[in-house]
Protein backbone atom coordinates (compact mmCIF):
# COMPACT_ATOMS: atom_id res chain seq x y z
CA MET A 1 0.00 0.00 0.00
CA PRO A 2 1.42 3.42 -0.95
CA ASP A 3 2.60 5.67 1.83
CA PRO A 4 0.14 8.64 2.08
CA GLU A 5 2.91 10.95 3.28
CA VAL A 6 5.05 10.20 0.19
CA GLU A 7 2.02 10.74 -2.09
CA GLU A 8 1.32 14.12 -0.43
CA VAL A 9 4.93 15.25 -0.89
CA SER A 10 4.84 14.18 -4.56
CA ARG A 11 1.59 16.06 -5.10
CA ARG A 12 3.06 19.25 -3.65
CA ARG A 13 6.09 19.09 -5.97
CA LEU A 14 4.04 19.16 -9.16
CA PRO A 15 4.01 22.57 -10.81
CA GLN A 16 0.67 24.35 -10.66
CA THR A 17 -0.96 26.32 -13.44
CA THR A 18 -4.17 28.30 -13.22
CA ALA A 19 -6.72 27.66 -15.98
CA TYR A 20 -9.16 30.48 -16.74
CA VAL A 21 -12.61 29.53 -18.05
CA ARG A 22 -15.19 31.78 -19.72
CA ILE A 23 -18.67 30.44 -20.42
CA THR A 24 -19.96 31.69 -23.79
CA HIS A 25 -23.19 29.71 -24.21
CA GLN A 26 -25.41 27.51 -22.07
CA SER A 27 -28.53 25.52 -22.93
CA TRP A 28 -30.18 23.45 -20.21
CA LEU A 29 -32.70 22.18 -22.76
CA GLN A 30 -29.94 20.80 -25.01
CA GLY A 31 -27.73 19.84 -22.06
CA ARG A 32 -24.80 21.85 -23.36
CA ILE A 33 -22.30 24.43 -22.15
CA GLU A 34 -19.78 26.10 -24.47
CA GLY A 35 -16.81 28.19 -23.53
CA GLU A 36 -13.15 29.06 -23.73
CA VAL A 37 -10.31 27.99 -21.48
CA GLN A 38 -6.83 29.49 -21.25
CA ALA A 39 -3.86 28.09 -19.34
CA SER A 40 -0.26 29.24 -19.71
CA ALA A 41 0.26 29.97 -23.44
CA TYR A 42 -2.59 27.67 -24.56
CA GLU A 43 -6.15 28.57 -25.51
CA TRP A 44 -9.01 26.20 -26.35
CA GLN A 45 -12.72 26.23 -27.10
CA PHE A 46 -14.85 23.54 -25.51
CA GLU A 47 -18.32 22.07 -25.63
CA TRP A 48 -19.55 20.18 -22.56
CA ARG A 49 -22.57 17.94 -23.22
CA PHE A 50 -23.34 17.30 -19.58
CA LYS A 51 -26.31 14.98 -20.16
CA GLN A 52 -23.97 12.61 -22.01
CA GLY A 53 -20.87 13.45 -19.98
CA GLU A 54 -18.98 14.29 -23.19
CA LEU A 55 -16.38 17.04 -23.55
CA SER A 56 -14.92 18.18 -26.87
CA VAL A 57 -11.90 20.50 -26.89
CA GLN A 58 -10.42 22.34 -29.89
CA PRO A 59 -7.75 22.80 -31.14
CA SER A 60 -5.97 19.52 -30.56
CA LEU A 61 -2.65 21.17 -29.56
CA GLY A 62 -2.30 20.62 -25.81
CA ARG A 63 -5.75 19.01 -25.52
CA ALA A 64 -4.37 16.03 -23.60
CA LEU A 65 -3.14 18.43 -20.90
CA ILE A 66 -6.47 20.19 -20.32
CA LYS A 67 -9.22 17.69 -21.10
CA GLU A 68 -9.14 15.64 -17.89
CA PRO A 69 -8.82 18.58 -15.41
CA LEU A 70 -11.43 20.59 -17.37
CA THR A 71 -13.81 17.60 -17.28
CA ARG A 72 -13.41 17.37 -13.48
CA PHE A 73 -14.03 21.11 -13.11
CA LEU A 74 -17.15 21.00 -15.28
CA GLU A 75 -18.53 17.90 -13.55
CA GLN A 76 -18.17 19.63 -10.17
CA CYS A 77 -19.43 23.08 -11.20
CA ASP A 78 -21.65 22.82 -14.31
CA TYR A 79 -24.86 23.81 -12.53
CA GLN A 80 -23.19 26.90 -11.06
CA LEU A 81 -21.74 28.21 -14.35
CA GLU A 82 -23.42 31.09 -16.17
CA PRO A 83 -22.87 32.57 -19.65
CA GLY A 84 -20.48 35.51 -19.48
CA GLY A 85 -19.06 34.20 -16.22
CA ASP A 86 -15.32 33.94 -15.64
CA TYR A 87 -14.00 31.07 -13.52
CA SER A 88 -10.67 29.45 -12.73
CA PHE A 89 -9.23 26.21 -11.41
CA THR A 90 -5.76 24.84 -10.70
CA ILE A 91 -4.01 22.26 -12.85
CA ARG A 92 -1.20 20.32 -11.22
CA ALA A 93 1.02 19.93 -14.27
CA GLU A 94 3.54 21.93 -16.22
CA LEU A 95 2.03 23.45 -19.35
């Protein structure tokens, strides 16, 4: 079994980057939220189909770095997000 103290030290050593999210469109009827996310020198557009739990992110450059943390953020906060709103979350990775 992994040592929790070692895991905590490893987690603290990862670089942290703040991702900034802007919601541009929301449709509860269609089950969809669209927006933009920016982290470090990267920028993406996304579409979150929350009824299906599907996230699409464009462009593909750097998508692997943002998709999983953005999915977690949206799953936790989607009902609190509003069009025109600006939000942020922390990514524990170097971008």
